[in-house]
């Protein structure tokens, strides 16, 4: 199961050069614009991960072994995936080694959170 996380994270990590998220200007409450951050994450996923993973709200992964991004947090905790993206993931099958910068990781995690689907009813 760890290799699946590694595979998903590795595909995501390819875009280390994403731009920092825009910030709002609300005085002391200034923070990240989550919509812009998620949009940056979508760009990363589409540009770097879509060859193997289903990165949107519908469809199957081109690689049947690659997890669907819209259900990834049913298998993995966001904080664990974030840590692995920042540290770089190494897997045993042919796949590039990836390492994200913190802005790229934040963007990707924000995007993944924005597309998650509820688990099927039992």
N, C-alpha and C. Protein backbone atom coordinates (compact mmCIF):
# COMPACT_ATOMS: atom_id res chain seq x y z
N UNK A 1 0.82 -1.17 0.00
CA UNK A 1 0.00 0.00 0.00
C UNK A 1 0.88 1.25 0.00
N UNK A 2 2.01 1.19 0.65
CA UNK A 2 2.90 2.34 0.72
C UNK A 2 3.39 2.73 -0.68
N UNK A 3 3.59 1.73 -1.55
CA UNK A 3 4.07 2.04 -2.90
C UNK A 3 3.00 2.79 -3.68
N UNK A 4 1.73 2.56 -3.40
CA UNK A 4 0.66 3.29 -4.08
C UNK A 4 0.71 4.75 -3.68
N UNK A 5 0.90 5.01 -2.39
CA UNK A 5 1.03 6.39 -1.92
C UNK A 5 2.24 7.02 -2.58
N UNK A 6 3.33 6.26 -2.61
CA UNK A 6 4.55 6.77 -3.21
C UNK A 6 4.34 7.08 -4.68
N UNK A 7 3.62 6.22 -5.35
CA UNK A 7 3.36 6.42 -6.77
C UNK A 7 2.53 7.67 -7.00
N UNK A 8 1.48 7.82 -6.21
CA UNK A 8 0.62 9.00 -6.34
C UNK A 8 1.40 10.27 -6.02
N UNK A 9 2.13 10.22 -4.96
CA UNK A 9 2.89 11.39 -4.55
C UNK A 9 4.00 11.71 -5.53
N UNK A 10 4.64 10.70 -6.05
CA UNK A 10 5.72 10.93 -6.99
C UNK A 10 5.22 11.61 -8.25
N UNK A 11 4.09 11.18 -8.72
CA UNK A 11 3.52 11.79 -9.91
C UNK A 11 3.19 13.25 -9.66
N UNK A 12 2.74 13.52 -8.47
CA UNK A 12 2.34 14.86 -8.10
C UNK A 12 3.55 15.77 -7.91
N UNK A 13 4.62 15.23 -7.46
CA UNK A 13 5.79 16.01 -7.10
C UNK A 13 6.58 16.56 -8.27
N UNK A 14 6.24 16.19 -9.44
CA UNK A 14 7.01 16.58 -10.60
C UNK A 14 7.02 18.08 -10.82
N UNK A 15 6.07 18.77 -10.30
CA UNK A 15 5.97 20.20 -10.55
C UNK A 15 6.48 21.01 -9.37
N UNK A 16 7.74 20.98 -9.15
CA UNK A 16 8.35 21.71 -8.04
C UNK A 16 8.43 23.20 -8.30
N UNK A 17 8.24 23.58 -9.51
CA UNK A 17 8.42 24.98 -9.86
C UNK A 17 7.12 25.75 -9.91
N UNK A 18 6.09 25.27 -9.24
CA UNK A 18 4.83 26.01 -9.28
C UNK A 18 5.00 27.34 -8.58
N UNK A 19 4.20 28.31 -9.00
CA UNK A 19 4.29 29.63 -8.41
C UNK A 19 3.61 29.64 -7.06
N UNK A 20 4.06 30.52 -6.15
CA UNK A 20 3.40 30.62 -4.86
C UNK A 20 1.96 31.07 -5.05
N UNK A 21 1.12 30.64 -4.13
CA UNK A 21 -0.28 31.03 -4.20
C UNK A 21 -0.43 32.51 -3.95
N UNK A 22 -1.47 33.10 -4.54
CA UNK A 22 -1.72 34.50 -4.29
C UNK A 22 -2.23 34.67 -2.87
N UNK A 23 -2.08 35.87 -2.35
CA UNK A 23 -2.52 36.13 -1.00
C UNK A 23 -3.59 37.20 -1.02
N UNK A 24 -4.48 37.09 -0.08
CA UNK A 24 -5.50 38.10 0.05
C UNK A 24 -4.94 39.24 0.87
N UNK A 25 -5.58 40.40 0.82
CA UNK A 25 -5.09 41.54 1.59
C UNK A 25 -6.18 41.97 2.57
N UNK A 26 -6.38 41.18 3.60
CA UNK A 26 -7.38 41.46 4.60
C UNK A 26 -6.73 41.82 5.91
N UNK A 27 -5.76 42.71 5.88
CA UNK A 27 -5.11 43.19 7.10
C UNK A 27 -4.49 42.06 7.88
N UNK A 28 -4.80 42.00 9.19
CA UNK A 28 -4.23 40.99 10.07
C UNK A 28 -4.69 39.59 9.71
N UNK A 29 -5.79 39.47 8.96
CA UNK A 29 -6.31 38.16 8.59
C UNK A 29 -5.84 37.72 7.21
N UNK A 30 -4.78 38.36 6.71
CA UNK A 30 -4.28 37.99 5.38
C UNK A 30 -3.91 36.52 5.38
N UNK A 31 -4.31 35.82 4.35
CA UNK A 31 -4.02 34.39 4.25
C UNK A 31 -4.03 33.99 2.79
N UNK A 32 -3.86 32.73 2.57
CA UNK A 32 -3.82 32.24 1.21
C UNK A 32 -5.22 32.22 0.61
N UNK A 33 -5.32 32.57 -0.63
CA UNK A 33 -6.56 32.46 -1.38
C UNK A 33 -6.69 31.00 -1.78
N UNK A 34 -7.56 30.27 -1.07
CA UNK A 34 -7.65 28.82 -1.28
C UNK A 34 -8.08 28.45 -2.69
N UNK A 35 -8.94 29.25 -3.30
CA UNK A 35 -9.36 28.95 -4.67
C UNK A 35 -8.17 29.04 -5.63
N UNK A 36 -7.35 30.07 -5.46
CA UNK A 36 -6.17 30.22 -6.32
C UNK A 36 -5.15 29.12 -6.03
N UNK A 37 -5.02 28.77 -4.76
CA UNK A 37 -4.09 27.71 -4.38
C UNK A 37 -4.52 26.38 -5.01
N UNK A 38 -5.82 26.07 -4.91
CA UNK A 38 -6.34 24.83 -5.50
C UNK A 38 -6.19 24.86 -7.02
N UNK A 39 -6.37 26.02 -7.64
CA UNK A 39 -6.19 26.14 -9.09
C UNK A 39 -4.74 25.85 -9.47
N UNK A 40 -3.80 26.34 -8.68
CA UNK A 40 -2.39 26.03 -8.93
C UNK A 40 -2.16 24.52 -8.79
N UNK A 41 -2.77 23.92 -7.79
CA UNK A 41 -2.64 22.48 -7.59
C UNK A 41 -3.24 21.68 -8.74
N UNK A 42 -4.36 22.17 -9.27
CA UNK A 42 -4.97 21.50 -10.43
C UNK A 42 -4.02 21.55 -11.61
N UNK A 43 -3.38 22.70 -11.81
CA UNK A 43 -2.40 22.83 -12.91
C UNK A 43 -1.25 21.83 -12.73
N UNK A 44 -0.78 21.68 -11.51
CA UNK A 44 0.29 20.72 -11.23
C UNK A 44 -0.19 19.31 -11.56
N UNK A 45 -1.37 18.96 -11.06
CA UNK A 45 -1.90 17.61 -11.28
C UNK A 45 -2.10 17.33 -12.76
N UNK A 46 -2.69 18.28 -13.47
CA UNK A 46 -2.94 18.07 -14.90
C UNK A 46 -1.64 18.00 -15.69
N UNK A 47 -0.68 18.82 -15.34
CA UNK A 47 0.57 18.86 -16.08
C UNK A 47 1.53 17.74 -15.76
N UNK A 48 1.50 17.25 -14.53
CA UNK A 48 2.51 16.31 -14.10
C UNK A 48 2.00 14.91 -13.76
N UNK A 49 0.70 14.78 -13.52
CA UNK A 49 0.19 13.53 -12.96
C UNK A 49 -0.82 12.81 -13.85
N UNK A 50 -1.43 13.55 -14.77
CA UNK A 50 -2.55 13.01 -15.54
C UNK A 50 -2.16 11.87 -16.48
N UNK A 51 -0.89 11.71 -16.77
CA UNK A 51 -0.49 10.60 -17.64
C UNK A 51 -0.74 9.25 -16.96
N UNK A 52 -0.74 9.23 -15.63
CA UNK A 52 -0.97 7.98 -14.90
C UNK A 52 -2.24 8.00 -14.05
N UNK A 53 -2.60 9.17 -13.52
CA UNK A 53 -3.69 9.28 -12.56
C UNK A 53 -4.90 10.00 -13.15
N UNK A 54 -6.10 9.59 -12.70
CA UNK A 54 -7.30 10.38 -12.95
C UNK A 54 -7.21 11.54 -11.97
N UNK A 55 -7.01 12.76 -12.47
CA UNK A 55 -6.76 13.90 -11.60
C UNK A 55 -7.99 14.78 -11.40
N UNK A 56 -9.08 14.49 -12.09
CA UNK A 56 -10.28 15.31 -11.96
C UNK A 56 -11.40 14.60 -11.23
N UNK A 57 -12.59 15.12 -11.42
CA UNK A 57 -13.76 14.62 -10.73
C UNK A 57 -14.39 13.38 -11.34
N UNK A 58 -13.97 13.01 -12.54
CA UNK A 58 -14.53 11.83 -13.21
C UNK A 58 -13.42 11.06 -13.92
N UNK A 59 -13.76 9.88 -14.38
CA UNK A 59 -12.84 9.10 -15.20
C UNK A 59 -11.96 8.17 -14.41
N UNK A 60 -11.35 7.26 -15.14
CA UNK A 60 -10.45 6.27 -14.57
C UNK A 60 -9.00 6.69 -14.83
N UNK A 61 -8.09 6.20 -14.02
CA UNK A 61 -6.68 6.49 -14.21
C UNK A 61 -6.17 5.78 -15.46
N UNK A 62 -5.36 6.45 -16.30
CA UNK A 62 -4.76 5.78 -17.45
C UNK A 62 -3.96 4.55 -17.04
N UNK A 63 -3.31 4.61 -15.89
CA UNK A 63 -2.62 3.45 -15.34
C UNK A 63 -3.54 2.87 -14.28
N UNK A 64 -4.07 1.67 -14.50
CA UNK A 64 -5.03 1.09 -13.55
C UNK A 64 -4.51 0.95 -12.12
N UNK A 65 -3.20 0.95 -11.94
CA UNK A 65 -2.63 0.84 -10.60
C UNK A 65 -2.49 2.19 -9.91
N UNK A 66 -2.69 3.27 -10.65
CA UNK A 66 -2.54 4.61 -10.09
C UNK A 66 -3.85 5.05 -9.44
N UNK A 67 -3.80 5.45 -8.18
CA UNK A 67 -5.03 5.83 -7.49
C UNK A 67 -5.70 7.05 -8.12
N UNK A 68 -7.02 7.08 -8.02
CA UNK A 68 -7.79 8.24 -8.45
C UNK A 68 -7.54 9.37 -7.46
N UNK A 69 -7.24 10.54 -7.95
CA UNK A 69 -6.98 11.65 -7.03
C UNK A 69 -8.21 12.04 -6.24
N UNK A 70 -9.40 11.86 -6.81
CA UNK A 70 -10.62 12.28 -6.12
C UNK A 70 -10.98 11.39 -4.93
N UNK A 71 -10.29 10.27 -4.78
CA UNK A 71 -10.54 9.39 -3.63
C UNK A 71 -9.27 9.11 -2.83
N UNK A 72 -8.22 9.83 -3.09
CA UNK A 72 -6.91 9.53 -2.48
C UNK A 72 -6.92 9.62 -0.96
N UNK A 73 -7.74 10.53 -0.39
CA UNK A 73 -7.76 10.68 1.06
C UNK A 73 -8.64 9.64 1.75
N UNK A 74 -9.25 8.76 0.98
CA UNK A 74 -9.91 7.61 1.58
C UNK A 74 -8.86 6.56 1.95
N UNK A 75 -7.69 6.66 1.33
CA UNK A 75 -6.60 5.71 1.57
C UNK A 75 -5.48 6.31 2.40
N UNK A 76 -5.24 7.60 2.24
CA UNK A 76 -4.07 8.23 2.84
C UNK A 76 -4.45 9.52 3.54
N UNK A 77 -3.79 9.79 4.64
CA UNK A 77 -4.01 11.04 5.35
C UNK A 77 -3.30 12.17 4.62
N UNK A 78 -3.95 13.33 4.58
CA UNK A 78 -3.39 14.48 3.87
C UNK A 78 -2.04 14.89 4.46
N UNK A 79 -1.89 14.86 5.77
CA UNK A 79 -0.64 15.29 6.38
C UNK A 79 0.51 14.34 6.04
N UNK A 80 0.22 13.06 5.94
CA UNK A 80 1.26 12.09 5.58
C UNK A 80 1.66 12.28 4.12
N UNK A 81 0.68 12.45 3.25
CA UNK A 81 0.98 12.68 1.84
C UNK A 81 1.78 13.97 1.67
N UNK A 82 1.39 15.01 2.39
CA UNK A 82 2.11 16.28 2.32
C UNK A 82 3.57 16.11 2.73
N UNK A 83 3.81 15.41 3.82
CA UNK A 83 5.18 15.18 4.28
C UNK A 83 5.98 14.40 3.24
N UNK A 84 5.38 13.38 2.66
CA UNK A 84 6.10 12.58 1.68
C UNK A 84 6.37 13.39 0.41
N UNK A 85 5.46 14.26 0.04
CA UNK A 85 5.70 15.11 -1.13
C UNK A 85 6.87 16.05 -0.88
N UNK A 86 6.93 16.62 0.32
CA UNK A 86 8.02 17.54 0.65
C UNK A 86 9.36 16.84 0.76
N UNK A 87 9.38 15.61 1.24
CA UNK A 87 10.63 14.89 1.46
C UNK A 87 11.12 14.16 0.22
N UNK A 88 10.25 13.95 -0.73
CA UNK A 88 10.61 13.20 -1.92
C UNK A 88 10.27 11.74 -1.74
N UNK A 89 9.67 11.18 -2.73
CA UNK A 89 9.22 9.80 -2.65
C UNK A 89 10.04 8.96 -3.62
N UNK A 90 10.47 7.83 -3.14
CA UNK A 90 11.20 6.89 -3.98
C UNK A 90 10.39 5.59 -4.04
N UNK A 91 10.22 5.09 -5.23
CA UNK A 91 9.45 3.87 -5.41
C UNK A 91 10.30 2.85 -6.13
N UNK A 92 9.87 1.58 -6.06
CA UNK A 92 10.69 0.51 -6.63
C UNK A 92 10.42 0.26 -8.11
N UNK A 93 9.37 0.83 -8.66
CA UNK A 93 9.08 0.63 -10.08
C UNK A 93 9.56 1.83 -10.89
N UNK A 94 9.66 1.70 -12.20
CA UNK A 94 10.17 2.81 -13.01
C UNK A 94 9.28 4.05 -12.90
N UNK A 95 9.83 5.06 -12.30
CA UNK A 95 9.11 6.32 -12.12
C UNK A 95 10.14 7.37 -11.72
N UNK A 96 9.98 8.57 -12.21
CA UNK A 96 10.95 9.60 -11.83
C UNK A 96 10.91 9.87 -10.33
N UNK A 97 12.03 10.29 -9.80
CA UNK A 97 12.08 10.70 -8.39
C UNK A 97 11.58 12.13 -8.32
N UNK A 98 10.71 12.41 -7.37
CA UNK A 98 10.12 13.73 -7.26
C UNK A 98 10.38 14.34 -5.90
N UNK A 99 10.43 15.65 -5.88
CA UNK A 99 10.48 16.40 -4.63
C UNK A 99 9.80 17.74 -4.90
N UNK A 100 8.83 18.08 -4.08
CA UNK A 100 8.09 19.32 -4.23
C UNK A 100 8.64 20.39 -3.31
N UNK A 101 8.49 21.63 -3.72
CA UNK A 101 8.74 22.72 -2.81
C UNK A 101 7.47 22.91 -1.98
N UNK A 102 7.55 23.57 -0.85
CA UNK A 102 6.36 23.72 0.01
C UNK A 102 5.17 24.37 -0.70
N UNK A 103 5.40 25.32 -1.58
CA UNK A 103 4.28 25.96 -2.28
C UNK A 103 3.58 24.98 -3.21
N UNK A 104 4.34 24.17 -3.92
CA UNK A 104 3.75 23.18 -4.81
C UNK A 104 2.98 22.13 -4.04
N UNK A 105 3.53 21.72 -2.91
CA UNK A 105 2.85 20.72 -2.07
C UNK A 105 1.55 21.29 -1.53
N UNK A 106 1.59 22.51 -1.01
CA UNK A 106 0.38 23.14 -0.48
C UNK A 106 -0.69 23.25 -1.56
N UNK A 107 -0.28 23.62 -2.76
CA UNK A 107 -1.22 23.76 -3.86
C UNK A 107 -1.83 22.42 -4.23
N UNK A 108 -1.02 21.41 -4.34
CA UNK A 108 -1.54 20.09 -4.71
C UNK A 108 -2.49 19.54 -3.64
N UNK A 109 -2.12 19.66 -2.38
CA UNK A 109 -2.98 19.18 -1.29
C UNK A 109 -4.29 19.96 -1.29
N UNK A 110 -4.25 21.27 -1.51
CA UNK A 110 -5.49 22.07 -1.57
C UNK A 110 -6.38 21.59 -2.71
N UNK A 111 -5.78 21.30 -3.85
CA UNK A 111 -6.56 20.80 -4.97
C UNK A 111 -7.16 19.43 -4.65
N UNK A 112 -6.35 18.52 -4.12
CA UNK A 112 -6.84 17.20 -3.78
C UNK A 112 -8.01 17.29 -2.79
N UNK A 113 -7.90 18.17 -1.80
CA UNK A 113 -8.98 18.34 -0.83
C UNK A 113 -10.23 18.87 -1.51
N UNK A 114 -10.06 19.70 -2.52
CA UNK A 114 -11.23 20.31 -3.18
C UNK A 114 -12.00 19.34 -4.05
N UNK A 115 -11.40 18.22 -4.44
CA UNK A 115 -12.09 17.28 -5.35
C UNK A 115 -12.48 15.96 -4.69
N UNK A 116 -12.24 15.82 -3.40
CA UNK A 116 -12.51 14.54 -2.76
C UNK A 116 -13.99 14.18 -2.80
N UNK A 117 -14.25 12.92 -3.06
CA UNK A 117 -15.59 12.37 -3.06
C UNK A 117 -15.79 11.56 -1.78
N UNK A 118 -17.00 11.56 -1.29
CA UNK A 118 -17.32 10.76 -0.11
C UNK A 118 -17.17 9.29 -0.45
N UNK A 119 -16.75 8.49 0.53
CA UNK A 119 -16.67 7.06 0.26
C UNK A 119 -18.06 6.48 -0.01
N UNK A 120 -18.13 5.42 -0.79
CA UNK A 120 -19.43 4.82 -1.10
C UNK A 120 -20.10 4.31 0.18
N UNK A 121 -21.42 4.41 0.20
CA UNK A 121 -22.17 3.91 1.35
C UNK A 121 -22.03 2.40 1.44
N UNK A 122 -21.90 1.92 2.64
CA UNK A 122 -21.71 0.48 2.83
C UNK A 122 -23.03 -0.23 2.89
